[in-house]
Amino acid sequence: MRYNKTTLVRCALAARLLTGVANTLPSPALVLGFLFATLYGAAFHLLLGGDARRLASFLIAGWLGFTIGQVAGSVLNVTLFDIGLLHLFPATIGALFALLIAHLLTNRPANADPLVAD
């Protein structure tokens, strides 16, 4: 089978584009960590309730806490419940700690009326 020059150039460009995309994909540990942190934030919101703003704060707190816990686990070399490069135990502890802080910061007293300003 004969290929003309244009077809070969197109194939070469497509191969170059595909290898460039493969080099920019996130690592599996990053994706798994993002999924765990998102799951923690969403589950925390499911248990405690609240509006969309509170969901966003729980998701951000879960991501930040998970990242801080992952870095702390890496620096302190904690290897309990590791999944590849992901230090699951310290990252989970970091996420839960950040979620508790976010809950305390976003929690309103039960008798607070949002329409009445102090």
Protein backbone atom coordinates (compact mmCIF):
# COMPACT_ATOMS: atom_id res chain seq x y z
CA MET A 1 0.00 0.00 0.00
CA ARG A 2 1.39 3.39 -0.99
CA TYR A 3 0.88 6.55 0.98
CA ASN A 4 1.34 10.00 -0.45
CA LYS A 5 3.41 12.67 1.24
CA THR A 6 0.40 14.55 2.64
CA THR A 7 -0.93 11.45 4.39
CA LEU A 8 2.46 10.74 5.96
CA VAL A 9 2.77 14.33 7.18
CA ARG A 10 -0.73 14.19 8.70
CA CYS A 11 0.08 10.93 10.46
CA ALA A 12 3.31 12.38 11.82
CA LEU A 13 1.49 15.48 13.11
CA ALA A 14 -1.23 13.36 14.70
CA ALA A 15 1.36 11.18 16.42
CA ARG A 16 3.17 14.27 17.69
CA LEU A 17 -0.05 15.73 19.05
CA LEU A 18 -0.97 12.48 20.78
CA THR A 19 2.42 12.16 22.46
CA GLY A 20 2.13 15.77 23.63
CA VAL A 21 -1.26 15.01 25.19
CA ALA A 22 0.10 11.90 26.89
CA ASN A 23 2.85 13.95 28.53
CA THR A 24 0.37 16.41 30.02
CA LEU A 25 -2.02 13.92 31.62
CA PRO A 26 -2.18 14.02 35.43
CA SER A 27 -0.74 11.15 37.39
CA PRO A 28 -3.08 8.43 38.69
CA ALA A 29 -2.22 9.36 42.28
CA LEU A 30 -3.33 12.94 41.63
CA VAL A 31 -6.62 11.83 40.11
CA LEU A 32 -7.30 9.33 42.91
CA GLY A 33 -6.46 11.94 45.55
CA PHE A 34 -8.79 14.44 43.90
CA LEU A 35 -11.57 11.83 43.87
CA PHE A 36 -11.07 10.94 47.54
CA ALA A 37 -10.99 14.60 48.60
CA THR A 38 -14.12 15.38 46.58
CA LEU A 39 -15.86 12.34 48.07
CA TYR A 40 -14.96 13.46 51.60
CA GLY A 41 -16.28 16.99 51.01
CA ALA A 42 -19.49 15.78 49.37
CA ALA A 43 -20.14 13.19 52.07
CA PHE A 44 -19.55 15.79 54.78
CA HIS A 45 -22.10 18.07 53.08
CA LEU A 46 -24.54 15.17 52.75
CA LEU A 47 -24.31 14.47 56.48
CA LEU A 48 -24.46 18.06 57.71
CA GLY A 49 -26.53 19.71 54.99
CA GLY A 50 -26.48 23.29 53.83
CA ASP A 51 -26.72 25.33 50.67
CA ALA A 52 -24.51 25.36 47.58
CA ARG A 53 -22.11 27.86 49.14
CA ARG A 54 -21.52 25.49 52.03
CA LEU A 55 -20.99 22.60 49.60
CA ALA A 56 -18.36 24.65 47.79
CA SER A 57 -16.61 25.47 51.06
CA PHE A 58 -16.61 21.79 52.06
CA LEU A 59 -15.19 20.75 48.69
CA ILE A 60 -12.44 23.35 48.86
CA ALA A 61 -11.67 22.44 52.47
CA GLY A 62 -11.52 18.76 51.52
CA TRP A 63 -9.12 19.46 48.65
CA LEU A 64 -6.85 21.72 50.70
CA GLY A 65 -6.85 19.45 53.75
CA PHE A 66 -6.18 16.38 51.63
CA THR A 67 -3.28 18.14 49.92
CA ILE A 68 -1.79 19.32 53.21
CA GLY A 69 -2.16 15.83 54.68
CA GLN A 70 -0.55 14.28 51.60
CA VAL A 71 2.42 16.63 51.84
CA ALA A 72 2.73 16.03 55.59
CA GLY A 73 2.61 12.27 55.05
CA SER A 74 5.28 12.53 52.41
CA VAL A 75 7.54 14.74 54.54
CA LEU A 76 7.06 12.64 57.70
CA ASN A 77 7.25 9.38 55.70
CA VAL A 78 3.97 7.98 57.03
CA THR A 79 3.30 4.78 55.08
CA LEU A 80 0.04 3.64 56.69
CA PHE A 81 -2.59 2.79 54.03
CA ASP A 82 -0.49 3.95 51.09
CA ILE A 83 -1.91 3.46 47.60
CA GLY A 84 1.05 3.88 45.29
CA LEU A 85 2.34 7.42 45.83
CA LEU A 86 -0.81 8.45 47.68
CA HIS A 87 -0.46 8.62 51.48
CA LEU A 88 -4.11 7.89 52.20
CA PHE A 89 -4.12 7.93 56.00
CA PRO A 90 -2.45 11.31 56.64
CA ALA A 91 -4.29 12.84 53.67
CA THR A 92 -7.62 11.64 55.07
CA ILE A 93 -6.79 13.01 58.51
CA GLY A 94 -5.86 16.35 56.92
CA ALA A 95 -9.11 16.45 54.93
CA LEU A 96 -11.24 15.63 57.98
CA PHE A 97 -9.46 18.27 60.06
CA ALA A 98 -10.01 20.90 57.35
CA LEU A 99 -13.65 19.86 56.98
CA LEU A 100 -14.24 20.24 60.71
CA ILE A 101 -12.72 23.72 60.60
CA ALA A 102 -14.91 24.61 57.60
CA HIS A 103 -17.95 23.32 59.47
CA LEU A 104 -17.14 25.47 62.49
CA LEU A 105 -16.62 28.54 60.30
CA THR A 106 -19.81 28.08 58.28
CA ASN A 107 -22.09 26.88 61.07
CA ARG A 108 -24.82 29.32 62.06
CA PRO A 109 -26.50 29.32 65.47
CA ALA A 110 -29.91 27.63 65.39
CA ASN A 111 -31.81 30.79 66.37
CA ALA A 112 -30.10 33.09 63.85
CA ASP A 113 -32.48 34.84 61.48
CA PRO A 114 -30.76 35.53 58.13
CA LEU A 115 -33.12 38.45 57.35
CA VAL A 116 -32.38 40.41 60.51
CA ALA A 117 -29.07 42.27 60.62
CA ASP A 118 -27.35 42.93 63.93
